[in-house]
Amino acid sequence: MTISDIATFCCRFQYCVIPVEQALGTLLPTHVNDLPPELLSLALSLVAQSRSFSSSLKPEEEIARPYACAEIACRR
């Protein structure tokens, strides 16, 4: 099974290969153990909004969704 196969499987069931929490931890490594709840909530909300606007991304694009939403949440 390849990474693309795993991504396809996960996307079909609305799971992300890389969770939002991990994406935030990558963007804010000094706060990985104490992410502000408001930031996590905003990032998760952005993922939900993104899925409602674009629910049919390619598997390789779906993998990037949590990172993109986490980065937008950090900038806000």
PDB file of N, CA and C in Angstrom:
ATOM      1  N   MET A   1       0.853  -1.182   0.000  1.00  0.00           N
ATOM      2  CA  MET A   1       0.000   0.000   0.000  1.00  0.00           C
ATOM      3  C   MET A   1       0.894   1.239   0.000  1.00  0.00           C
ATOM      4  N   THR A   2       0.608   2.152  -0.910  1.00  0.00           N
ATOM      5  CA  THR A   2       1.403   3.374  -1.021  1.00  0.00           C
ATOM      6  C   THR A   2       0.791   4.491  -0.182  1.00  0.00           C
ATOM      7  N   ILE A   3       1.523   5.582  -0.042  1.00  0.00           N
ATOM      8  CA  ILE A   3       1.007   6.752   0.683  1.00  0.00           C
ATOM      9  C   ILE A   3      -0.233   7.291  -0.013  1.00  0.00           C
ATOM     10  N   SER A   4      -0.221   7.279  -1.330  1.00  0.00           N
ATOM     11  CA  SER A   4      -1.386   7.752  -2.078  1.00  0.00           C
ATOM     12  C   SER A   4      -2.612   6.892  -1.796  1.00  0.00           C
ATOM     13  N   ASP A   5      -2.420   5.567  -1.683  1.00  0.00           N
ATOM     14  CA  ASP A   5      -3.529   4.667  -1.362  1.00  0.00           C
ATOM     15  C   ASP A   5      -4.089   4.971   0.019  1.00  0.00           C
ATOM     16  N   ILE A   6      -3.191   5.191   0.975  1.00  0.00           N
ATOM     17  CA  ILE A   6      -3.623   5.507   2.339  1.00  0.00           C
ATOM     18  C   ILE A   6      -4.381   6.826   2.355  1.00  0.00           C
ATOM     19  N   ALA A   7      -3.864   7.817   1.652  1.00  0.00           N
ATOM     20  CA  ALA A   7      -4.531   9.120   1.598  1.00  0.00           C
ATOM     21  C   ALA A   7      -5.911   8.986   0.978  1.00  0.00           C
ATOM     22  N   THR A   8      -6.016   8.193  -0.084  1.00  0.00           N
ATOM     23  CA  THR A   8      -7.314   7.987  -0.729  1.00  0.00           C
ATOM     24  C   THR A   8      -8.294   7.353   0.243  1.00  0.00           C
ATOM     25  N   PHE A   9      -7.856   6.322   0.951  1.00  0.00           N
ATOM     26  CA  PHE A   9      -8.711   5.651   1.925  1.00  0.00           C
ATOM     27  C   PHE A   9      -9.158   6.612   3.017  1.00  0.00           C
ATOM     28  N   CYS A  10      -8.210   7.352   3.578  1.00  0.00           N
ATOM     29  CA  CYS A  10      -8.522   8.268   4.670  1.00  0.00           C
ATOM     30  C   CYS A  10      -9.456   9.379   4.221  1.00  0.00           C
ATOM     31  N   CYS A  11      -9.252   9.896   3.030  1.00  0.00           N
ATOM     32  CA  CYS A  11     -10.086  10.993   2.543  1.00  0.00           C
ATOM     33  C   CYS A  11     -11.515  10.541   2.306  1.00  0.00           C
ATOM     34  N   ARG A  12     -11.685   9.314   1.898  1.00  0.00           N
ATOM     35  CA  ARG A  12     -13.043   8.803   1.671  1.00  0.00           C
ATOM     36  C   ARG A  12     -13.855   8.813   2.957  1.00  0.00           C
ATOM     37  N   PHE A  13     -13.197   8.605   4.071  1.00  0.00           N
ATOM     38  CA  PHE A  13     -13.886   8.540   5.345  1.00  0.00           C
ATOM     39  C   PHE A  13     -13.718   9.811   6.168  1.00  0.00           C
ATOM     40  N   GLN A  14     -13.313  10.889   5.504  1.00  0.00           N
ATOM     41  CA  GLN A  14     -13.177  12.217   6.117  1.00  0.00           C
ATOM     42  C   GLN A  14     -12.161  12.257   7.253  1.00  0.00           C
ATOM     43  N   TYR A  15     -11.137  11.405   7.202  1.00  0.00           N
ATOM     44  CA  TYR A  15     -10.043  11.477   8.154  1.00  0.00           C
ATOM     45  C   TYR A  15      -8.874  12.145   7.467  1.00  0.00           C
ATOM     46  N   CYS A  16      -8.085  12.838   8.232  1.00  0.00           N
ATOM     47  CA  CYS A  16      -6.867  13.437   7.684  1.00  0.00           C
ATOM     48  C   CYS A  16      -5.686  12.575   8.086  1.00  0.00           C
ATOM     49  N   VAL A  17      -4.775  12.372   7.144  1.00  0.00           N
ATOM     50  CA  VAL A  17      -3.566  11.620   7.447  1.00  0.00           C
ATOM     51  C   VAL A  17      -2.754  12.374   8.485  1.00  0.00           C
ATOM     52  N   ILE A  18      -2.697  13.664   8.352  1.00  0.00           N
ATOM     53  CA  ILE A  18      -1.948  14.506   9.284  1.00  0.00           C
ATOM     54  C   ILE A  18      -2.962  15.374  10.018  1.00  0.00           C
ATOM     55  N   PRO A  19      -3.207  15.115  11.295  1.00  0.00           N
ATOM     56  CA  PRO A  19      -4.221  15.877  12.019  1.00  0.00           C
ATOM     57  C   PRO A  19      -3.832  17.347  12.207  1.00  0.00           C
ATOM     58  N   VAL A  20      -4.821  18.124  12.457  1.00  0.00           N
ATOM     59  CA  VAL A  20      -4.628  19.559  12.654  1.00  0.00           C
ATOM     60  C   VAL A  20      -3.667  19.833  13.812  1.00  0.00           C
ATOM     61  N   GLU A  21      -3.780  19.045  14.873  1.00  0.00           N
ATOM     62  CA  GLU A  21      -2.910  19.254  16.027  1.00  0.00           C
ATOM     63  C   GLU A  21      -1.440  19.083  15.649  1.00  0.00           C
ATOM     64  N   GLN A  22      -1.157  18.090  14.827  1.00  0.00           N
ATOM     65  CA  GLN A  22       0.225  17.870  14.399  1.00  0.00           C
ATOM     66  C   GLN A  22       0.696  19.012  13.502  1.00  0.00           C
ATOM     67  N   ALA A  23      -0.200  19.489  12.639  1.00  0.00           N
ATOM     68  CA  ALA A  23       0.163  20.611  11.766  1.00  0.00           C
ATOM     69  C   ALA A  23       0.468  21.853  12.602  1.00  0.00           C
ATOM     70  N   LEU A  24      -0.354  22.120  13.607  1.00  0.00           N
ATOM     71  CA  LEU A  24      -0.100  23.271  14.483  1.00  0.00           C
ATOM     72  C   LEU A  24       1.214  23.090  15.235  1.00  0.00           C
ATOM     73  N   GLY A  25       1.490  21.878  15.684  1.00  0.00           N
ATOM     74  CA  GLY A  25       2.746  21.606  16.378  1.00  0.00           C
ATOM     75  C   GLY A  25       3.957  21.822  15.495  1.00  0.00           C
ATOM     76  N   THR A  26       3.801  21.533  14.218  1.00  0.00           N
ATOM     77  CA  THR A  26       4.885  21.757  13.266  1.00  0.00           C
ATOM     78  C   THR A  26       5.109  23.251  13.056  1.00  0.00           C
ATOM     79  N   LEU A  27       4.027  23.997  13.010  1.00  0.00           N
ATOM     80  CA  LEU A  27       4.124  25.440  12.795  1.00  0.00           C
ATOM     81  C   LEU A  27       4.566  26.182  14.054  1.00  0.00           C
ATOM     82  N   LEU A  28       4.202  25.660  15.212  1.00  0.00           N
ATOM     83  CA  LEU A  28       4.533  26.303  16.500  1.00  0.00           C
ATOM     84  C   LEU A  28       5.221  25.302  17.418  1.00  0.00           C
ATOM     85  N   PRO A  29       6.442  24.899  17.100  1.00  0.00           N
ATOM     86  CA  PRO A  29       7.087  23.829  17.876  1.00  0.00           C
ATOM     87  C   PRO A  29       7.302  24.162  19.352  1.00  0.00           C
ATOM     88  N   THR A  30       7.414  25.429  19.691  1.00  0.00           N
ATOM     89  CA  THR A  30       7.609  25.783  21.106  1.00  0.00           C
ATOM     90  C   THR A  30       6.315  25.679  21.904  1.00  0.00           C
ATOM     91  N   HIS A  31       5.180  25.556  21.222  1.00  0.00           N
ATOM     92  CA  HIS A  31       3.885  25.460  21.902  1.00  0.00           C
ATOM     93  C   HIS A  31       3.205  24.118  21.671  1.00  0.00           C
ATOM     94  N   VAL A  32       3.974  23.117  21.235  1.00  0.00           N
ATOM     95  CA  VAL A  32       3.381  21.840  20.861  1.00  0.00           C
ATOM     96  C   VAL A  32       2.606  21.193  22.015  1.00  0.00           C
ATOM     97  N   ASN A  33       3.047  21.401  23.244  1.00  0.00           N
ATOM     98  CA  ASN A  33       2.366  20.796  24.395  1.00  0.00           C
ATOM     99  C   ASN A  33       1.317  21.701  25.024  1.00  0.00           C
ATOM    100  N   ASP A  34       1.253  22.941  24.592  1.00  0.00           N
ATOM    101  CA  ASP A  34       0.278  23.868  25.183  1.00  0.00           C
ATOM    102  C   ASP A  34      -0.352  24.766  24.115  1.00  0.00           C
ATOM    103  N   LEU A  35      -0.923  24.133  23.094  1.00  0.00           N
ATOM    104  CA  LEU A  35      -1.585  24.907  22.038  1.00  0.00           C
ATOM    105  C   LEU A  35      -2.798  25.623  22.622  1.00  0.00           C
ATOM    106  N   PRO A  36      -2.948  26.902  22.342  1.00  0.00           N
ATOM    107  CA  PRO A  36      -4.127  27.614  22.836  1.00  0.00           C
ATOM    108  C   PRO A  36      -5.408  26.977  22.291  1.00  0.00           C
ATOM    109  N   PRO A  37      -6.376  26.721  23.145  1.00  0.00           N
ATOM    110  CA  PRO A  37      -7.624  26.093  22.705  1.00  0.00           C
ATOM    111  C   PRO A  37      -8.327  26.886  21.602  1.00  0.00           C
ATOM    112  N   GLU A  38      -8.217  28.218  21.667  1.00  0.00           N
ATOM    113  CA  GLU A  38      -8.854  29.054  20.650  1.00  0.00           C
ATOM    114  C   GLU A  38      -8.228  28.822  19.277  1.00  0.00           C
ATOM    115  N   LEU A  39      -6.904  28.631  19.265  1.00  0.00           N
ATOM    116  CA  LEU A  39      -6.193  28.390  18.011  1.00  0.00           C
ATOM    117  C   LEU A  39      -6.590  27.037  17.423  1.00  0.00           C
ATOM    118  N   LEU A  40      -6.626  26.025  18.255  1.00  0.00           N
ATOM    119  CA  LEU A  40      -7.025  24.700  17.802  1.00  0.00           C
ATOM    120  C   LEU A  40      -8.468  24.722  17.296  1.00  0.00           C
ATOM    121  N   SER A  41      -9.329  25.392  18.018  1.00  0.00           N
ATOM    122  CA  SER A  41     -10.727  25.503  17.606  1.00  0.00           C
ATOM    123  C   SER A  41     -10.866  26.203  16.255  1.00  0.00           C
ATOM    124  N   LEU A  42     -10.125  27.285  16.072  1.00  0.00           N
ATOM    125  CA  LEU A  42     -10.176  28.010  14.802  1.00  0.00           C
ATOM    126  C   LEU A  42      -9.664  27.140  13.663  1.00  0.00           C
ATOM    127  N   ALA A  43      -8.561  26.444  13.888  1.00  0.00           N
ATOM    128  CA  ALA A  43      -8.008  25.582  12.840  1.00  0.00           C
ATOM    129  C   ALA A  43      -8.994  24.481  12.461  1.00  0.00           C
ATOM    130  N   LEU A  44      -9.613  23.860  13.455  1.00  0.00           N
ATOM    131  CA  LEU A  44     -10.597  22.809  13.174  1.00  0.00           C
ATOM    132  C   LEU A  44     -11.815  23.370  12.446  1.00  0.00           C
ATOM    133  N   SER A  45     -12.213  24.566  12.826  1.00  0.00           N
ATOM    134  CA  SER A  45     -13.332  25.224  12.145  1.00  0.00           C
ATOM    135  C   SER A  45     -12.994  25.507  10.689  1.00  0.00           C
ATOM    136  N   LEU A  46     -11.773  25.939  10.448  1.00  0.00           N
ATOM    137  CA  LEU A  46     -11.349  26.205   9.067  1.00  0.00           C
ATOM    138  C   LEU A  46     -11.309  24.925   8.241  1.00  0.00           C
ATOM    139  N   VAL A  47     -10.901  23.815   8.847  1.00  0.00           N
ATOM    140  CA  VAL A  47     -10.923  22.533   8.137  1.00  0.00           C
ATOM    141  C   VAL A  47     -12.355  22.167   7.768  1.00  0.00           C
ATOM    142  N   ALA A  48     -13.274  22.333   8.705  1.00  0.00           N
ATOM    143  CA  ALA A  48     -14.682  22.022   8.432  1.00  0.00           C
ATOM    144  C   ALA A  48     -15.238  22.912   7.324  1.00  0.00           C
ATOM    145  N   GLN A  49     -14.922  24.202   7.388  1.00  0.00           N
ATOM    146  CA  GLN A  49     -15.379  25.127   6.339  1.00  0.00           C
ATOM    147  C   GLN A  49     -14.777  24.751   4.995  1.00  0.00           C
ATOM    148  N   SER A  50     -13.507  24.396   4.996  1.00  0.00           N
ATOM    149  CA  SER A  50     -12.838  24.010   3.765  1.00  0.00           C
ATOM    150  C   SER A  50     -13.490  22.771   3.151  1.00  0.00           C
ATOM    151  N   ARG A  51     -13.828  21.816   3.997  1.00  0.00           N
ATOM    152  CA  ARG A  51     -14.488  20.597   3.497  1.00  0.00           C
ATOM    153  C   ARG A  51     -15.869  20.905   2.934  1.00  0.00           C
ATOM    154  N   SER A  52     -16.561  21.875   3.526  1.00  0.00           N
ATOM    155  CA  SER A  52     -17.902  22.193   3.018  1.00  0.00           C
ATOM    156  C   SER A  52     -17.829  22.910   1.674  1.00  0.00           C
ATOM    157  N   PHE A  53     -16.763  23.673   1.451  1.00  0.00           N
ATOM    158  CA  PHE A  53     -16.612  24.380   0.180  1.00  0.00           C
ATOM    159  C   PHE A  53     -15.997  23.503  -0.903  1.00  0.00           C
ATOM    160  N   SER A  54     -15.078  22.645  -0.500  1.00  0.00           N
ATOM    161  CA  SER A  54     -14.383  21.804  -1.475  1.00  0.00           C
ATOM    162  C   SER A  54     -14.235  20.407  -0.893  1.00  0.00           C
ATOM    163  N   SER A  55     -15.254  19.604  -1.104  1.00  0.00           N
ATOM    164  CA  SER A  55     -15.263  18.277  -0.500  1.00  0.00           C
ATOM    165  C   SER A  55     -14.593  17.216  -1.355  1.00  0.00           C
ATOM    166  N   SER A  56     -14.235  17.545  -2.567  1.00  0.00           N
ATOM    167  CA  SER A  56     -13.684  16.517  -3.462  1.00  0.00           C
ATOM    168  C   SER A  56     -12.286  16.897  -3.963  1.00  0.00           C
ATOM    169  N   LEU A  57     -11.335  16.952  -3.046  1.00  0.00           N
ATOM    170  CA  LEU A  57      -9.952  17.202  -3.430  1.00  0.00           C
ATOM    171  C   LEU A  57      -9.282  15.891  -3.804  1.00  0.00           C
ATOM    172  N   LYS A  58      -8.220  15.992  -4.577  1.00  0.00           N
ATOM    173  CA  LYS A  58      -7.399  14.820  -4.872  1.00  0.00           C
ATOM    174  C   LYS A  58      -6.730  14.387  -3.569  1.00  0.00           C
ATOM    175  N   PRO A  59      -6.399  13.110  -3.436  1.00  0.00           N
ATOM    176  CA  PRO A  59      -5.769  12.641  -2.188  1.00  0.00           C
ATOM    177  C   PRO A  59      -4.520  13.426  -1.798  1.00  0.00           C
ATOM    178  N   GLU A  60      -3.691  13.755  -2.791  1.00  0.00           N
ATOM    179  CA  GLU A  60      -2.468  14.496  -2.453  1.00  0.00           C
ATOM    180  C   GLU A  60      -2.778  15.938  -2.035  1.00  0.00           C
ATOM    181  N   GLU A  61      -3.917  16.465  -2.456  1.00  0.00           N
ATOM    182  CA  GLU A  61      -4.338  17.803  -2.010  1.00  0.00           C
ATOM    183  C   GLU A  61      -4.978  17.724  -0.628  1.00  0.00           C
ATOM    184  N   GLU A  62      -5.708  16.653  -0.376  1.00  0.00           N
ATOM    185  CA  GLU A  62      -6.377  16.485   0.917  1.00  0.00           C
ATOM    186  C   GLU A  62      -5.362  16.430   2.058  1.00  0.00           C
ATOM    187  N   ILE A  63      -4.220  15.836   1.805  1.00  0.00           N
ATOM    188  CA  ILE A  63      -3.179  15.746   2.822  1.00  0.00           C
ATOM    189  C   ILE A  63      -2.744  17.134   3.273  1.00  0.00           C
ATOM    190  N   ALA A  64      -2.755  18.102   2.375  1.00  0.00           N
ATOM    191  CA  ALA A  64      -2.305  19.462   2.695  1.00  0.00           C
ATOM    192  C   ALA A  64      -3.362  20.291   3.409  1.00  0.00           C
ATOM    193  N   ARG A  65      -4.616  19.866   3.386  1.00  0.00           N
ATOM    194  CA  ARG A  65      -5.700  20.676   3.966  1.00  0.00           C
ATOM    195  C   ARG A  65      -5.448  21.057   5.428  1.00  0.00           C
ATOM    196  N   PRO A  66      -5.090  20.112   6.322  1.00  0.00           N
ATOM    197  CA  PRO A  66      -4.873  20.509   7.719  1.00  0.00           C
ATOM    198  C   PRO A  66      -3.740  21.512   7.891  1.00  0.00           C
ATOM    199  N   TYR A  67      -2.670  21.341   7.112  1.00  0.00           N
ATOM    200  CA  TYR A  67      -1.554  22.286   7.193  1.00  0.00           C
ATOM    201  C   TYR A  67      -1.977  23.677   6.756  1.00  0.00           C
ATOM    202  N   ALA A  68      -2.692  23.750   5.644  1.00  0.00           N
ATOM    203  CA  ALA A  68      -3.131  25.059   5.147  1.00  0.00           C
ATOM    204  C   ALA A  68      -4.051  25.737   6.159  1.00  0.00           C
ATOM    205  N   CYS A  69      -4.992  24.982   6.720  1.00  0.00           N
ATOM    206  CA  CYS A  69      -5.922  25.559   7.680  1.00  0.00           C
ATOM    207  C   CYS A  69      -5.209  25.950   8.970  1.00  0.00           C
ATOM    208  N   ALA A  70      -4.242  25.151   9.395  1.00  0.00           N
ATOM    209  CA  ALA A  70      -3.470  25.480  10.601  1.00  0.00           C
ATOM    210  C   ALA A  70      -2.659  26.753  10.380  1.00  0.00           C
ATOM    211  N   GLU A  71      -2.073  26.892   9.211  1.00  0.00           N
ATOM    212  CA  GLU A  71      -1.292  28.098   8.941  1.00  0.00           C
ATOM    213  C   GLU A  71      -2.190  29.344   8.911  1.00  0.00           C
ATOM    214  N   ILE A  72      -3.342  29.241   8.295  1.00  0.00           N
ATOM    215  CA  ILE A  72      -4.280  30.367   8.270  1.00  0.00           C
ATOM    216  C   ILE A  72      -4.705  30.722   9.684  1.00  0.00           C
ATOM    217  N   ALA A  73      -4.986  29.724  10.509  1.00  0.00           N
ATOM    218  CA  ALA A  73      -5.381  29.980  11.896  1.00  0.00           C
ATOM    219  C   ALA A  73      -4.267  30.697  12.649  1.00  0.00           C
ATOM    220  N   CYS A  74      -3.022  30.285  12.430  1.00  0.00           N
ATOM    221  CA  CYS A  74      -1.891  30.945  13.102  1.00  0.00           C
ATOM    222  C   CYS A  74      -1.766  32.406  12.678  1.00  0.00           C
ATOM    223  N   ARG A  75      -1.961  32.670  11.406  1.00  0.00           N
ATOM    224  CA  ARG A  75      -1.837  34.056  10.912  1.00  0.00           C
ATOM    225  C   ARG A  75      -2.950  34.944  11.443  1.00  0.00           C
ATOM    226  N   ARG A  76      -4.128  34.363  11.652  1.00  0.00           N
ATOM    227  CA  ARG A  76      -5.241  35.168  12.175  1.00  0.00           C
ATOM    228  C   ARG A  76      -5.016  35.454  13.644  1.00  0.00           C
TER     229      ARG A  76
END
